[in-house]
Amino acid sequence: MQTIALLLAGSLLTAPEDKPNIPDYFDGNGKSHQPKIALCNLNGEDVNGPFKTCRYDCGESLTIGVRLVCPFVLRDRRRR
């Protein structure tokens, strides 16, 4: 229990510049004033046994378990 408390205290005392920067995916103040990411829309689902394939309009596809719901997909606009 003391070890956990020491680890938590150490992580709180770490200087902010030691932590990695989180990229600004939405680029609100950038030159383009357009989001760097796009939301892909679900086009269809195919069920094959215990698996479901989710197809999106941006060309992405995911294979997940049949009981799961197809997730939202965000795609980097620079990667086309």
PDB file of N, CA and C in Angstrom:
ATOM      1  N   MET A   1       0.823  -1.193   0.000  1.00  0.00           N
ATOM      2  CA  MET A   1       0.000   0.000   0.000  1.00  0.00           C
ATOM      3  C   MET A   1       0.867   1.257   0.000  1.00  0.00           C
ATOM      4  N   GLN A   2       1.976   1.205   0.751  1.00  0.00           N
ATOM      5  CA  GLN A   2       2.869   2.358   0.790  1.00  0.00           C
ATOM      6  C   GLN A   2       3.544   2.575  -0.561  1.00  0.00           C
ATOM      7  N   THR A   3       3.822   1.480  -1.250  1.00  0.00           N
ATOM      8  CA  THR A   3       4.461   1.584  -2.562  1.00  0.00           C
ATOM      9  C   THR A   3       3.550   2.301  -3.546  1.00  0.00           C
ATOM     10  N   ILE A   4       2.272   1.969  -3.517  1.00  0.00           N
ATOM     11  CA  ILE A   4       1.310   2.615  -4.409  1.00  0.00           C
ATOM     12  C   ILE A   4       1.221   4.097  -4.094  1.00  0.00           C
ATOM     13  N   ALA A   5       1.175   4.441  -2.810  1.00  0.00           N
ATOM     14  CA  ALA A   5       1.100   5.846  -2.414  1.00  0.00           C
ATOM     15  C   ALA A   5       2.345   6.604  -2.858  1.00  0.00           C
ATOM     16  N   LEU A   6       3.513   5.981  -2.752  1.00  0.00           N
ATOM     17  CA  LEU A   6       4.751   6.637  -3.178  1.00  0.00           C
ATOM     18  C   LEU A   6       4.784   6.835  -4.692  1.00  0.00           C
ATOM     19  N   LEU A   7       4.296   5.849  -5.439  1.00  0.00           N
ATOM     20  CA  LEU A   7       4.258   5.988  -6.893  1.00  0.00           C
ATOM     21  C   LEU A   7       3.317   7.108  -7.321  1.00  0.00           C
ATOM     22  N   LEU A   8       2.157   7.190  -6.668  1.00  0.00           N
ATOM     23  CA  LEU A   8       1.206   8.250  -6.993  1.00  0.00           C
ATOM     24  C   LEU A   8       1.768   9.615  -6.636  1.00  0.00           C
ATOM     25  N   ALA A   9       2.396   9.721  -5.480  1.00  0.00           N
ATOM     26  CA  ALA A   9       2.984  10.995  -5.069  1.00  0.00           C
ATOM     27  C   ALA A   9       4.106  11.396  -6.020  1.00  0.00           C
ATOM     28  N   GLY A  10       4.909  10.450  -6.447  1.00  0.00           N
ATOM     29  CA  GLY A  10       5.988  10.741  -7.384  1.00  0.00           C
ATOM     30  C   GLY A  10       5.480  11.206  -8.727  1.00  0.00           C
ATOM     31  N   SER A  11       4.383  10.634  -9.187  1.00  0.00           N
ATOM     32  CA  SER A  11       3.840  11.049 -10.480  1.00  0.00           C
ATOM     33  C   SER A  11       3.230  12.441 -10.403  1.00  0.00           C
ATOM     34  N   LEU A  12       2.706  12.818  -9.240  1.00  0.00           N
ATOM     35  CA  LEU A  12       2.141  14.157  -9.082  1.00  0.00           C
ATOM     36  C   LEU A  12       3.231  15.216  -8.969  1.00  0.00           C
ATOM     37  N   LEU A  13       4.387  14.846  -8.465  1.00  0.00           N
ATOM     38  CA  LEU A  13       5.474  15.797  -8.271  1.00  0.00           C
ATOM     39  C   LEU A  13       6.356  15.953  -9.505  1.00  0.00           C
ATOM     40  N   THR A  14       6.116  15.175 -10.526  1.00  0.00           N
ATOM     41  CA  THR A  14       6.915  15.263 -11.747  1.00  0.00           C
ATOM     42  C   THR A  14       6.611  16.576 -12.454  1.00  0.00           C
ATOM     43  N   ALA A  15       7.632  17.242 -12.936  1.00  0.00           N
ATOM     44  CA  ALA A  15       7.456  18.516 -13.631  1.00  0.00           C
ATOM     45  C   ALA A  15       6.675  18.306 -14.928  1.00  0.00           C
ATOM     46  N   PRO A  16       5.799  19.244 -15.296  1.00  0.00           N
ATOM     47  CA  PRO A  16       4.993  19.081 -16.513  1.00  0.00           C
ATOM     48  C   PRO A  16       5.824  18.943 -17.781  1.00  0.00           C
ATOM     49  N   GLU A  17       6.997  19.574 -17.845  1.00  0.00           N
ATOM     50  CA  GLU A  17       7.797  19.480 -19.061  1.00  0.00           C
ATOM     51  C   GLU A  17       8.427  18.106 -19.235  1.00  0.00           C
ATOM     52  N   ASP A  18       8.393  17.280 -18.185  1.00  0.00           N
ATOM     53  CA  ASP A  18       8.915  15.924 -18.290  1.00  0.00           C
ATOM     54  C   ASP A  18       7.909  14.968 -18.927  1.00  0.00           C
ATOM     55  N   LYS A  19       6.675  15.386 -19.013  1.00  0.00           N
ATOM     56  CA  LYS A  19       5.629  14.533 -19.574  1.00  0.00           C
ATOM     57  C   LYS A  19       5.510  14.795 -21.070  1.00  0.00           C
ATOM     58  N   PRO A  20       5.084  13.810 -21.846  1.00  0.00           N
ATOM     59  CA  PRO A  20       4.980  14.014 -23.303  1.00  0.00           C
ATOM     60  C   PRO A  20       3.877  15.001 -23.655  1.00  0.00           C
ATOM     61  N   ASN A  21       4.090  15.745 -24.718  1.00  0.00           N
ATOM     62  CA  ASN A  21       3.078  16.680 -25.195  1.00  0.00           C
ATOM     63  C   ASN A  21       1.985  15.919 -25.923  1.00  0.00           C
ATOM     64  N   ILE A  22       0.759  16.334 -25.725  1.00  0.00           N
ATOM     65  CA  ILE A  22      -0.374  15.739 -26.429  1.00  0.00           C
ATOM     66  C   ILE A  22      -0.585  16.542 -27.706  1.00  0.00           C
ATOM     67  N   PRO A  23      -0.569  15.909 -28.868  1.00  0.00           N
ATOM     68  CA  PRO A  23      -0.737  16.661 -30.113  1.00  0.00           C
ATOM     69  C   PRO A  23      -2.119  17.295 -30.212  1.00  0.00           C
ATOM     70  N   ASP A  24      -2.178  18.467 -30.819  1.00  0.00           N
ATOM     71  CA  ASP A  24      -3.439  19.164 -31.031  1.00  0.00           C
ATOM     72  C   ASP A  24      -4.029  18.681 -32.355  1.00  0.00           C
ATOM     73  N   TYR A  25      -4.865  17.658 -32.276  1.00  0.00           N
ATOM     74  CA  TYR A  25      -5.417  17.072 -33.493  1.00  0.00           C
ATOM     75  C   TYR A  25      -6.392  18.000 -34.203  1.00  0.00           C
ATOM     76  N   PHE A  26      -7.005  18.904 -33.459  1.00  0.00           N
ATOM     77  CA  PHE A  26      -8.023  19.752 -34.058  1.00  0.00           C
ATOM     78  C   PHE A  26      -7.454  21.056 -34.598  1.00  0.00           C
ATOM     79  N   ASP A  27      -6.216  21.403 -34.272  1.00  0.00           N
ATOM     80  CA  ASP A  27      -5.500  22.538 -34.845  1.00  0.00           C
ATOM     81  C   ASP A  27      -6.366  23.789 -34.887  1.00  0.00           C
ATOM     82  N   GLY A  28      -6.984  24.138 -33.760  1.00  0.00           N
ATOM     83  CA  GLY A  28      -7.897  25.273 -33.719  1.00  0.00           C
ATOM     84  C   GLY A  28      -7.248  26.605 -34.018  1.00  0.00           C
ATOM     85  N   ASN A  29      -5.982  26.780 -33.699  1.00  0.00           N
ATOM     86  CA  ASN A  29      -5.312  28.054 -33.924  1.00  0.00           C
ATOM     87  C   ASN A  29      -4.258  27.962 -35.019  1.00  0.00           C
ATOM     88  N   GLY A  30      -4.283  26.918 -35.782  1.00  0.00           N
ATOM     89  CA  GLY A  30      -3.270  26.717 -36.811  1.00  0.00           C
ATOM     90  C   GLY A  30      -3.548  27.528 -38.059  1.00  0.00           C
ATOM     91  N   LYS A  31      -2.692  27.368 -39.056  1.00  0.00           N
ATOM     92  CA  LYS A  31      -2.806  28.123 -40.303  1.00  0.00           C
ATOM     93  C   LYS A  31      -4.023  27.703 -41.111  1.00  0.00           C
ATOM     94  N   SER A  32      -4.348  26.422 -41.072  1.00  0.00           N
ATOM     95  CA  SER A  32      -5.414  25.910 -41.934  1.00  0.00           C
ATOM     96  C   SER A  32      -6.804  26.185 -41.381  1.00  0.00           C
ATOM     97  N   HIS A  33      -6.933  26.303 -40.077  1.00  0.00           N
ATOM     98  CA  HIS A  33      -8.221  26.464 -39.400  1.00  0.00           C
ATOM     99  C   HIS A  33      -9.194  25.346 -39.762  1.00  0.00           C
ATOM    100  N   GLN A  34      -8.665  24.204 -40.178  1.00  0.00           N
ATOM    101  CA  GLN A  34      -9.473  23.024 -40.441  1.00  0.00           C
ATOM    102  C   GLN A  34      -8.962  21.912 -39.545  1.00  0.00           C
ATOM    103  N   PRO A  35      -9.843  21.052 -39.107  1.00  0.00           N
ATOM    104  CA  PRO A  35      -9.390  19.942 -38.266  1.00  0.00           C
ATOM    105  C   PRO A  35      -8.395  19.060 -39.001  1.00  0.00           C
ATOM    106  N   LYS A  36      -7.427  18.536 -38.258  1.00  0.00           N
ATOM    107  CA  LYS A  36      -6.458  17.616 -38.838  1.00  0.00           C
ATOM    108  C   LYS A  36      -7.025  16.211 -38.935  1.00  0.00           C
ATOM    109  N   ILE A  37      -8.135  15.962 -38.238  1.00  0.00           N
ATOM    110  CA  ILE A  37      -8.740  14.638 -38.273  1.00  0.00           C
ATOM    111  C   ILE A  37     -10.145  14.725 -38.835  1.00  0.00           C
ATOM    112  N   ALA A  38     -10.625  13.630 -39.353  1.00  0.00           N
ATOM    113  CA  ALA A  38     -11.975  13.554 -39.897  1.00  0.00           C
ATOM    114  C   ALA A  38     -12.688  12.359 -39.282  1.00  0.00           C
ATOM    115  N   LEU A  39     -13.965  12.506 -39.059  1.00  0.00           N
ATOM    116  CA  LEU A  39     -14.785  11.418 -38.551  1.00  0.00           C
ATOM    117  C   LEU A  39     -15.256  10.586 -39.733  1.00  0.00           C
ATOM    118  N   CYS A  40     -14.965   9.297 -39.709  1.00  0.00           N
ATOM    119  CA  CYS A  40     -15.400   8.394 -40.779  1.00  0.00           C
ATOM    120  C   CYS A  40     -16.805   7.893 -40.456  1.00  0.00           C
ATOM    121  N   ASN A  41     -17.664   7.865 -41.456  1.00  0.00           N
ATOM    122  CA  ASN A  41     -19.037   7.402 -41.278  1.00  0.00           C
ATOM    123  C   ASN A  41     -19.136   5.916 -41.587  1.00  0.00           C
ATOM    124  N   LEU A  42     -19.949   5.220 -40.814  1.00  0.00           N
ATOM    125  CA  LEU A  42     -20.153   3.788 -40.997  1.00  0.00           C
ATOM    126  C   LEU A  42     -20.980   3.542 -42.255  1.00  0.00           C
ATOM    127  N   ASN A  43     -20.452   2.738 -43.178  1.00  0.00           N
ATOM    128  CA  ASN A  43     -21.162   2.388 -44.411  1.00  0.00           C
ATOM    129  C   ASN A  43     -21.936   1.089 -44.289  1.00  0.00           C
ATOM    130  N   GLY A  44     -21.389   0.122 -43.572  1.00  0.00           N
ATOM    131  CA  GLY A  44     -22.063  -1.158 -43.466  1.00  0.00           C
ATOM    132  C   GLY A  44     -21.355  -2.104 -42.522  1.00  0.00           C
ATOM    133  N   GLU A  45     -22.078  -3.181 -42.199  1.00  0.00           N
ATOM    134  CA  GLU A  45     -21.557  -4.214 -41.310  1.00  0.00           C
ATOM    135  C   GLU A  45     -21.800  -5.572 -41.952  1.00  0.00           C
ATOM    136  N   ASP A  46     -20.813  -6.456 -41.873  1.00  0.00           N
ATOM    137  CA  ASP A  46     -20.955  -7.834 -42.338  1.00  0.00           C
ATOM    138  C   ASP A  46     -20.682  -8.752 -41.166  1.00  0.00           C
ATOM    139  N   VAL A  47     -21.579  -9.715 -40.938  1.00  0.00           N
ATOM    140  CA  VAL A  47     -21.402 -10.676 -39.851  1.00  0.00           C
ATOM    141  C   VAL A  47     -20.951 -12.000 -40.448  1.00  0.00           C
ATOM    142  N   ASN A  48     -19.869 -12.544 -39.878  1.00  0.00           N
ATOM    143  CA  ASN A  48     -19.334 -13.820 -40.331  1.00  0.00           C
ATOM    144  C   ASN A  48     -18.984 -14.642 -39.097  1.00  0.00           C
ATOM    145  N   GLY A  49     -19.913 -15.484 -38.651  1.00  0.00           N
ATOM    146  CA  GLY A  49     -19.697 -16.288 -37.447  1.00  0.00           C
ATOM    147  C   GLY A  49     -19.593 -15.404 -36.219  1.00  0.00           C
ATOM    148  N   PRO A  50     -18.518 -15.554 -35.437  1.00  0.00           N
ATOM    149  CA  PRO A  50     -18.376 -14.763 -34.211  1.00  0.00           C
ATOM    150  C   PRO A  50     -17.772 -13.379 -34.462  1.00  0.00           C
ATOM    151  N   PHE A  51     -17.578 -13.009 -35.735  1.00  0.00           N
ATOM    152  CA  PHE A  51     -16.934 -11.740 -36.055  1.00  0.00           C
ATOM    153  C   PHE A  51     -17.858 -10.833 -36.848  1.00  0.00           C
ATOM    154  N   LYS A  52     -17.629  -9.536 -36.717  1.00  0.00           N
ATOM    155  CA  LYS A  52     -18.354  -8.520 -37.471  1.00  0.00           C
ATOM    156  C   LYS A  52     -17.314  -7.601 -38.104  1.00  0.00           C
ATOM    157  N   THR A  53     -17.474  -7.286 -39.383  1.00  0.00           N
ATOM    158  CA  THR A  53     -16.590  -6.350 -40.064  1.00  0.00           C
ATOM    159  C   THR A  53     -17.339  -5.045 -40.260  1.00  0.00           C
ATOM    160  N   CYS A  54     -16.769  -3.963 -39.754  1.00  0.00           N
ATOM    161  CA  CYS A  54     -17.354  -2.628 -39.882  1.00  0.00           C
ATOM    162  C   CYS A  54     -16.630  -1.912 -41.019  1.00  0.00           C
ATOM    163  N   ARG A  55     -17.394  -1.414 -42.009  1.00  0.00           N
ATOM    164  CA  ARG A  55     -16.811  -0.702 -43.146  1.00  0.00           C
ATOM    165  C   ARG A  55     -17.177   0.777 -43.052  1.00  0.00           C
ATOM    166  N   TYR A  56     -16.198   1.648 -43.336  1.00  0.00           N
ATOM    167  CA  TYR A  56     -16.378   3.092 -43.219  1.00  0.00           C
ATOM    168  C   TYR A  56     -16.143   3.772 -44.561  1.00  0.00           C
ATOM    169  N   ASP A  57     -16.704   4.979 -44.727  1.00  0.00           N
ATOM    170  CA  ASP A  57     -16.610   5.706 -45.994  1.00  0.00           C
ATOM    171  C   ASP A  57     -15.215   6.243 -46.296  1.00  0.00           C
ATOM    172  N   CYS A  58     -14.322   6.225 -45.328  1.00  0.00           N
ATOM    173  CA  CYS A  58     -12.957   6.717 -45.568  1.00  0.00           C
ATOM    174  C   CYS A  58     -12.017   5.594 -45.980  1.00  0.00           C
ATOM    175  N   GLY A  59     -12.554   4.401 -46.230  1.00  0.00           N
ATOM    176  CA  GLY A  59     -11.741   3.284 -46.679  1.00  0.00           C
ATOM    177  C   GLY A  59     -11.246   2.385 -45.565  1.00  0.00           C
ATOM    178  N   GLU A  60     -11.525   2.725 -44.328  1.00  0.00           N
ATOM    179  CA  GLU A  60     -11.096   1.905 -43.194  1.00  0.00           C
ATOM    180  C   GLU A  60     -12.084   0.765 -42.981  1.00  0.00           C
ATOM    181  N   SER A  61     -11.610  -0.335 -42.419  1.00  0.00           N
ATOM    182  CA  SER A  61     -12.488  -1.429 -41.999  1.00  0.00           C
ATOM    183  C   SER A  61     -11.899  -2.044 -40.739  1.00  0.00           C
ATOM    184  N   LEU A  62     -12.772  -2.460 -39.841  1.00  0.00           N
ATOM    185  CA  LEU A  62     -12.375  -3.074 -38.578  1.00  0.00           C
ATOM    186  C   LEU A  62     -13.113  -4.385 -38.413  1.00  0.00           C
ATOM    187  N   THR A  63     -12.452  -5.395 -37.893  1.00  0.00           N
ATOM    188  CA  THR A  63     -13.093  -6.662 -37.567  1.00  0.00           C
ATOM    189  C   THR A  63     -13.135  -6.781 -36.057  1.00  0.00           C
ATOM    190  N   ILE A  64     -14.358  -6.932 -35.531  1.00  0.00           N
ATOM    191  CA  ILE A  64     -14.571  -6.990 -34.087  1.00  0.00           C
ATOM    192  C   ILE A  64     -15.468  -8.175 -33.766  1.00  0.00           C
ATOM    193  N   GLY A  65     -15.713  -8.407 -32.498  1.00  0.00           N
ATOM    194  CA  GLY A  65     -16.630  -9.457 -32.075  1.00  0.00           C
ATOM    195  C   GLY A  65     -18.055  -9.113 -32.454  1.00  0.00           C
ATOM    196  N   VAL A  66     -18.860 -10.133 -32.729  1.00  0.00           N
ATOM    197  CA  VAL A  66     -20.219  -9.921 -33.219  1.00  0.00           C
ATOM    198  C   VAL A  66     -21.102  -9.206 -32.188  1.00  0.00           C
ATOM    199  N   ARG A  67     -20.799  -9.326 -30.914  1.00  0.00           N
ATOM    200  CA  ARG A  67     -21.622  -8.698 -29.878  1.00  0.00           C
ATOM    201  C   ARG A  67     -21.274  -7.233 -29.639  1.00  0.00           C
ATOM    202  N   LEU A  68     -20.192  -6.761 -30.225  1.00  0.00           N
ATOM    203  CA  LEU A  68     -19.763  -5.379 -30.026  1.00  0.00           C
ATOM    204  C   LEU A  68     -20.417  -4.452 -31.033  1.00  0.00           C
ATOM    205  N   VAL A  69     -20.466  -3.174 -30.692  1.00  0.00           N
ATOM    206  CA  VAL A  69     -20.997  -2.144 -31.576  1.00  0.00           C
ATOM    207  C   VAL A  69     -19.830  -1.540 -32.348  1.00  0.00           C
ATOM    208  N   CYS A  70     -20.032  -1.257 -33.627  1.00  0.00           N
ATOM    209  CA  CYS A  70     -18.967  -0.648 -34.430  1.00  0.00           C
ATOM    210  C   CYS A  70     -18.578   0.699 -33.824  1.00  0.00           C
ATOM    211  N   PRO A  71     -17.287   0.915 -33.579  1.00  0.00           N
ATOM    212  CA  PRO A  71     -16.848   2.150 -32.925  1.00  0.00           C
ATOM    213  C   PRO A  71     -16.742   3.315 -33.905  1.00  0.00           C
ATOM    214  N   PHE A  72     -16.625   4.519 -33.339  1.00  0.00           N
ATOM    215  CA  PHE A  72     -16.321   5.695 -34.148  1.00  0.00           C
ATOM    216  C   PHE A  72     -14.884   5.576 -34.627  1.00  0.00           C
ATOM    217  N   VAL A  73     -14.621   6.035 -35.826  1.00  0.00           N
ATOM    218  CA  VAL A  73     -13.261   6.003 -36.361  1.00  0.00           C
ATOM    219  C   VAL A  73     -12.875   7.423 -36.750  1.00  0.00           C
ATOM    220  N   LEU A  74     -11.735   7.866 -36.237  1.00  0.00           N
ATOM    221  CA  LEU A  74     -11.176   9.160 -36.602  1.00  0.00           C
ATOM    222  C   LEU A  74      -9.954   8.901 -37.468  1.00  0.00           C
ATOM    223  N   ARG A  75      -9.836   9.634 -38.557  1.00  0.00           N
ATOM    224  CA  ARG A  75      -8.722   9.417 -39.484  1.00  0.00           C
ATOM    225  C   ARG A  75      -7.965  10.716 -39.696  1.00  0.00           C
ATOM    226  N   ASP A  76      -6.671  10.615 -39.746  1.00  0.00           N
ATOM    227  CA  ASP A  76      -5.808  11.760 -39.995  1.00  0.00           C
ATOM    228  C   ASP A  76      -6.002  12.202 -41.438  1.00  0.00           C
ATOM    229  N   ARG A  77      -6.369  13.459 -41.655  1.00  0.00           N
ATOM    230  CA  ARG A  77      -6.634  13.954 -43.014  1.00  0.00           C
ATOM    231  C   ARG A  77      -5.384  13.991 -43.873  1.00  0.00           C
ATOM    232  N   ARG A  78      -4.214  14.076 -43.260  1.00  0.00           N
ATOM    233  CA  ARG A  78      -2.974  14.129 -44.028  1.00  0.00           C
ATOM    234  C   ARG A  78      -2.615  12.764 -44.585  1.00  0.00           C
ATOM    235  N   ARG A  79      -3.228  11.694 -44.085  1.00  0.00           N
ATOM    236  CA  ARG A  79      -2.901  10.325 -44.495  1.00  0.00           C
ATOM    237  C   ARG A  79      -3.909   9.829 -45.522  1.00  0.00           C
ATOM    238  N   ARG A  80      -3.803  10.227 -46.727  1.00  0.00           N
ATOM    239  CA  ARG A  80      -4.755   9.801 -47.759  1.00  0.00           C
ATOM    240  C   ARG A  80      -4.099   9.037 -48.832  1.00  0.00           C
TER     241      ARG A  80
END
